[in-house]
N, C-alpha and C. Protein backbone atom coordinates (compact mmCIF):
# COMPACT_ATOMS: atom_id res chain seq x y z
N MET A 1 25.43 61.31 -50.01
CA MET A 1 24.07 61.14 -50.68
C MET A 1 22.60 62.42 -50.27
N ALA A 2 22.98 62.20 -49.21
CA ALA A 2 22.47 63.75 -48.79
C ALA A 2 22.95 65.06 -48.78
N SER A 3 22.51 66.32 -49.57
CA SER A 3 22.94 67.35 -49.48
C SER A 3 22.30 68.00 -48.69
N ILE A 4 23.06 69.42 -48.32
CA ILE A 4 23.10 71.13 -47.84
C ILE A 4 22.17 71.66 -48.48
N ILE A 5 21.18 72.40 -47.54
CA ILE A 5 20.47 73.07 -48.52
C ILE A 5 20.48 74.33 -47.17
N GLN A 6 20.50 75.77 -47.60
CA GLN A 6 20.82 76.35 -46.96
C GLN A 6 19.32 77.53 -46.54
N HIS A 7 19.12 78.09 -45.94
CA HIS A 7 17.98 78.61 -45.28
C HIS A 7 18.75 79.93 -44.69
N GLY A 8 18.99 80.56 -45.25
CA GLY A 8 19.10 82.23 -43.94
C GLY A 8 20.07 81.66 -44.05
N THR A 9 19.92 81.89 -41.99
CA THR A 9 21.44 81.20 -42.06
C THR A 9 21.43 79.82 -41.44
N VAL A 10 19.94 79.20 -41.84
CA VAL A 10 20.10 77.34 -40.55
C VAL A 10 19.78 76.74 -41.51
N GLU A 11 21.04 76.30 -41.75
CA GLU A 11 21.14 74.55 -42.59
C GLU A 11 20.59 73.25 -42.31
N ARG A 12 20.30 73.16 -43.39
CA ARG A 12 19.37 71.68 -42.84
C ARG A 12 19.60 70.52 -44.43
N GLU A 13 20.12 69.17 -43.69
CA GLU A 13 19.85 68.12 -44.03
C GLU A 13 18.66 67.51 -45.54
N GLU A 14 19.11 67.93 -46.52
CA GLU A 14 17.77 67.43 -47.48
C GLU A 14 18.15 66.11 -47.22
N GLY A 15 16.87 64.90 -46.94
CA GLY A 15 17.12 63.71 -47.21
C GLY A 15 15.92 62.70 -46.36
N PRO A 16 16.04 61.50 -46.66
CA PRO A 16 14.48 61.12 -45.34
C PRO A 16 14.94 61.43 -44.35
N SER A 17 14.16 61.83 -43.60
CA SER A 17 13.75 62.11 -41.63
C SER A 17 14.19 60.99 -41.36
N ARG A 18 14.44 61.21 -40.26
CA ARG A 18 14.67 59.61 -39.34
C ARG A 18 13.57 58.64 -38.77
N THR A 19 12.22 58.96 -38.84
CA THR A 19 10.95 58.96 -38.74
C THR A 19 10.80 58.56 -39.63
N ALA A 20 11.04 59.00 -41.22
CA ALA A 20 10.76 57.56 -42.22
C ALA A 20 11.58 56.13 -42.27
N THR A 21 13.09 56.51 -42.03
CA THR A 21 14.27 54.99 -41.88
C THR A 21 13.86 54.73 -40.92
N VAL A 22 12.99 55.21 -39.48
CA VAL A 22 13.04 54.15 -38.70
C VAL A 22 11.34 53.22 -38.90
N LEU A 23 10.40 53.72 -40.10
CA LEU A 23 9.88 52.71 -40.59
C LEU A 23 9.63 51.81 -41.07
N VAL A 24 10.72 52.53 -41.82
CA VAL A 24 10.52 51.49 -43.31
C VAL A 24 11.79 50.09 -42.57
N LEU A 25 13.23 50.41 -41.09
CA LEU A 25 12.97 49.14 -41.05
C LEU A 25 12.31 48.25 -39.97
N LEU A 26 11.60 49.23 -39.16
CA LEU A 26 10.56 48.11 -38.84
C LEU A 26 9.93 47.07 -39.78
N ALA A 27 9.19 48.13 -40.67
CA ALA A 27 8.29 47.45 -41.83
C ALA A 27 8.50 45.79 -42.19
N VAL A 28 10.40 46.18 -42.56
CA VAL A 28 11.24 45.33 -43.11
C VAL A 28 11.47 43.97 -42.24
N GLY A 29 11.54 44.20 -40.89
CA GLY A 29 12.26 44.05 -39.33
C GLY A 29 10.52 42.59 -39.15
N PHE A 30 9.35 43.58 -39.01
CA PHE A 30 7.83 42.71 -39.49
C PHE A 30 8.15 41.69 -40.28
N LEU A 31 8.28 42.42 -42.11
CA LEU A 31 8.24 41.49 -42.95
C LEU A 31 9.90 39.90 -42.48
N VAL A 32 10.96 40.44 -42.36
CA VAL A 32 11.44 39.36 -42.16
C VAL A 32 11.05 37.99 -40.98
N GLY A 33 10.78 38.80 -39.86
CA GLY A 33 10.04 38.34 -38.59
C GLY A 33 9.15 37.13 -39.07
N SER A 34 7.50 37.94 -39.89
CA SER A 34 6.41 36.82 -40.94
C SER A 34 7.06 35.76 -41.45
N TYR A 35 8.09 35.87 -42.48
CA TYR A 35 8.37 34.99 -43.16
C TYR A 35 9.04 33.86 -42.29
N SER A 36 10.19 34.42 -41.41
CA SER A 36 11.09 33.31 -40.57
C SER A 36 10.25 32.78 -39.70
N ALA A 37 8.94 33.27 -39.65
CA ALA A 37 7.94 32.10 -38.71
C ALA A 37 7.55 31.09 -39.61
N ASP A 38 6.33 31.49 -41.18
CA ASP A 38 5.84 30.44 -41.29
C ASP A 38 6.18 31.10 -42.46
N PRO A 39 7.10 30.14 -43.69
CA PRO A 39 7.68 30.98 -45.21
C PRO A 39 6.81 30.70 -45.80
N ALA A 40 6.29 29.39 -45.36
CA ALA A 40 4.89 29.14 -46.85
C ALA A 40 3.81 30.06 -46.87
N GLY A 41 3.22 30.04 -45.40
CA GLY A 41 2.40 31.60 -45.47
C GLY A 41 2.32 32.17 -45.84
N PHE A 42 3.37 32.87 -45.44
CA PHE A 42 4.55 34.21 -45.60
C PHE A 42 4.29 34.54 -47.31
N ILE A 43 5.04 33.74 -47.63
CA ILE A 43 4.10 33.55 -49.51
C ILE A 43 3.40 32.59 -50.29
N GLY A 44 2.42 32.78 -49.22
CA GLY A 44 0.51 32.54 -50.32
C GLY A 44 -0.02 33.76 -49.68
N THR A 45 0.82 34.53 -48.19
CA THR A 45 -0.17 35.83 -48.58
C THR A 45 0.39 36.99 -49.44
N VAL A 46 1.71 36.71 -49.65
CA VAL A 46 2.22 37.52 -50.72
C VAL A 46 1.69 37.55 -52.23
N GLU A 47 1.90 36.41 -52.35
CA GLU A 47 0.66 35.71 -53.44
C GLU A 47 -0.84 36.77 -53.90
N THR A 48 -1.66 36.26 -53.03
CA THR A 48 -2.66 37.08 -52.54
C THR A 48 -2.73 38.19 -52.90
N PHE A 49 -1.49 38.98 -51.81
CA PHE A 49 -1.75 40.36 -52.77
C PHE A 49 -1.30 40.98 -53.66
N ALA A 50 -0.24 39.87 -54.30
CA ALA A 50 0.16 40.38 -55.33
C ALA A 50 -0.71 40.20 -56.16
N ARG A 51 -1.55 39.37 -56.36
CA ARG A 51 -3.22 39.57 -57.35
C ARG A 51 -4.00 40.40 -57.24
N SER A 52 -4.08 40.78 -55.53
CA SER A 52 -5.18 41.43 -55.86
C SER A 52 -4.88 42.99 -56.12
N VAL A 53 -3.57 43.78 -55.93
CA VAL A 53 -2.85 44.87 -57.05
C VAL A 53 -3.19 44.43 -57.97
N TYR A 54 -2.56 43.17 -58.92
CA TYR A 54 -2.78 43.48 -59.80
C TYR A 54 -4.32 42.93 -60.96
N ASP A 55 -5.49 43.02 -60.06
CA ASP A 55 -6.64 42.79 -60.11
C ASP A 55 -7.27 44.47 -59.78
N GLY A 56 -6.68 44.61 -58.60
CA GLY A 56 -6.74 46.67 -59.05
C GLY A 56 -6.63 47.61 -59.68
N ALA A 57 -5.24 47.15 -60.16
CA ALA A 57 -5.04 47.93 -61.26
C ALA A 57 -5.74 47.66 -62.54
N ILE A 58 -6.15 46.59 -62.43
CA ILE A 58 -7.28 46.12 -63.82
C ILE A 58 -8.27 47.08 -63.69
N GLN A 59 -9.13 47.13 -62.36
CA GLN A 59 -10.69 47.70 -62.15
C GLN A 59 -10.42 49.29 -62.80
N TRP A 60 -8.97 49.86 -62.19
CA TRP A 60 -8.34 51.05 -62.29
C TRP A 60 -8.15 51.31 -63.74
N GLY A 61 -7.99 50.68 -64.48
CA GLY A 61 -7.30 51.17 -65.83
C GLY A 61 -9.00 50.80 -66.73
N VAL A 62 -9.56 50.29 -66.72
CA VAL A 62 -11.00 50.22 -67.05
C VAL A 62 -11.97 51.20 -66.62
N THR A 63 -12.09 51.66 -65.65
CA THR A 63 -12.28 52.27 -65.25
C THR A 63 -11.99 54.40 -65.56
N VAL A 64 -11.01 54.35 -65.58
CA VAL A 64 -9.70 55.21 -65.97
C VAL A 64 -10.58 55.67 -68.01
N VAL A 65 -10.62 54.37 -68.43
CA VAL A 65 -10.70 54.34 -70.05
C VAL A 65 -12.31 54.73 -70.07
N LEU A 66 -13.00 53.59 -69.35
CA LEU A 66 -14.87 54.13 -69.76
C LEU A 66 -14.63 56.12 -68.97
N THR A 67 -14.22 56.19 -68.54
CA THR A 67 -14.73 57.15 -68.04
C THR A 67 -13.60 58.59 -69.43
N ALA A 68 -13.26 58.46 -69.71
CA ALA A 68 -12.18 59.12 -70.71
C ALA A 68 -13.88 58.92 -71.68
N VAL A 69 -13.78 57.29 -72.07
CA VAL A 69 -14.84 56.92 -73.32
C VAL A 69 -16.52 58.32 -73.23
N ALA A 70 -16.57 58.01 -71.95
CA ALA A 70 -17.86 58.62 -71.66
C ALA A 70 -17.87 60.19 -71.79
N SER A 71 -16.59 61.07 -71.23
CA SER A 71 -15.82 62.34 -71.37
C SER A 71 -15.84 63.07 -72.53
N TRP A 72 -15.40 61.61 -73.64
CA TRP A 72 -15.28 62.61 -74.77
C TRP A 72 -16.68 62.01 -75.44
N CYS A 73 -17.58 61.26 -75.25
CA CYS A 73 -19.26 61.15 -75.81
C CYS A 73 -19.65 62.35 -75.41
N VAL A 74 -19.40 62.90 -73.93
CA VAL A 74 -20.93 63.90 -73.86
C VAL A 74 -20.11 64.66 -74.21
N GLY A 75 -18.56 65.06 -74.69
CA GLY A 75 -18.25 66.71 -75.14
C GLY A 75 -18.70 66.73 -76.35
N ARG A 76 -18.59 65.85 -77.15
CA ARG A 76 -18.63 65.30 -78.27
C ARG A 76 -20.57 65.62 -78.57
N GLU A 77 -21.28 65.12 -77.42
CA GLU A 77 -22.75 65.35 -77.68
C GLU A 77 -22.87 67.39 -77.93
N ARG A 78 -21.88 67.76 -76.72
CA ARG A 78 -22.17 69.28 -76.42
C ARG A 78 -21.70 69.95 -77.39
N THR A 79 -20.80 69.73 -78.64
CA THR A 79 -20.43 70.07 -79.46
C THR A 79 -21.13 70.18 -81.01
N ASN A 80 -21.98 69.24 -80.78
CA ASN A 80 -22.90 68.45 -81.82
C ASN A 80 -24.07 69.57 -81.92
N ARG A 81 -24.73 69.99 -80.90
CA ARG A 81 -25.79 70.80 -80.69
C ARG A 81 -25.53 72.00 -81.30
């Protein structure tokens, strides 16, 4: 999976660092522990989180579209002068 990249005389392995791997394993362990402690509460929390992410994505998309339209209108107004 990981490839070796040679920099001068030093070789290093390319891929995720050990720290990143440990952090991911800790996060997965935390999620598994939370689920096993209270499955219904965990599922409710995940649903709430997913709903907020979806709502945030919609708000972000609307903001991007409105900003693009406003920018286009301002640019068009400047070129019509």
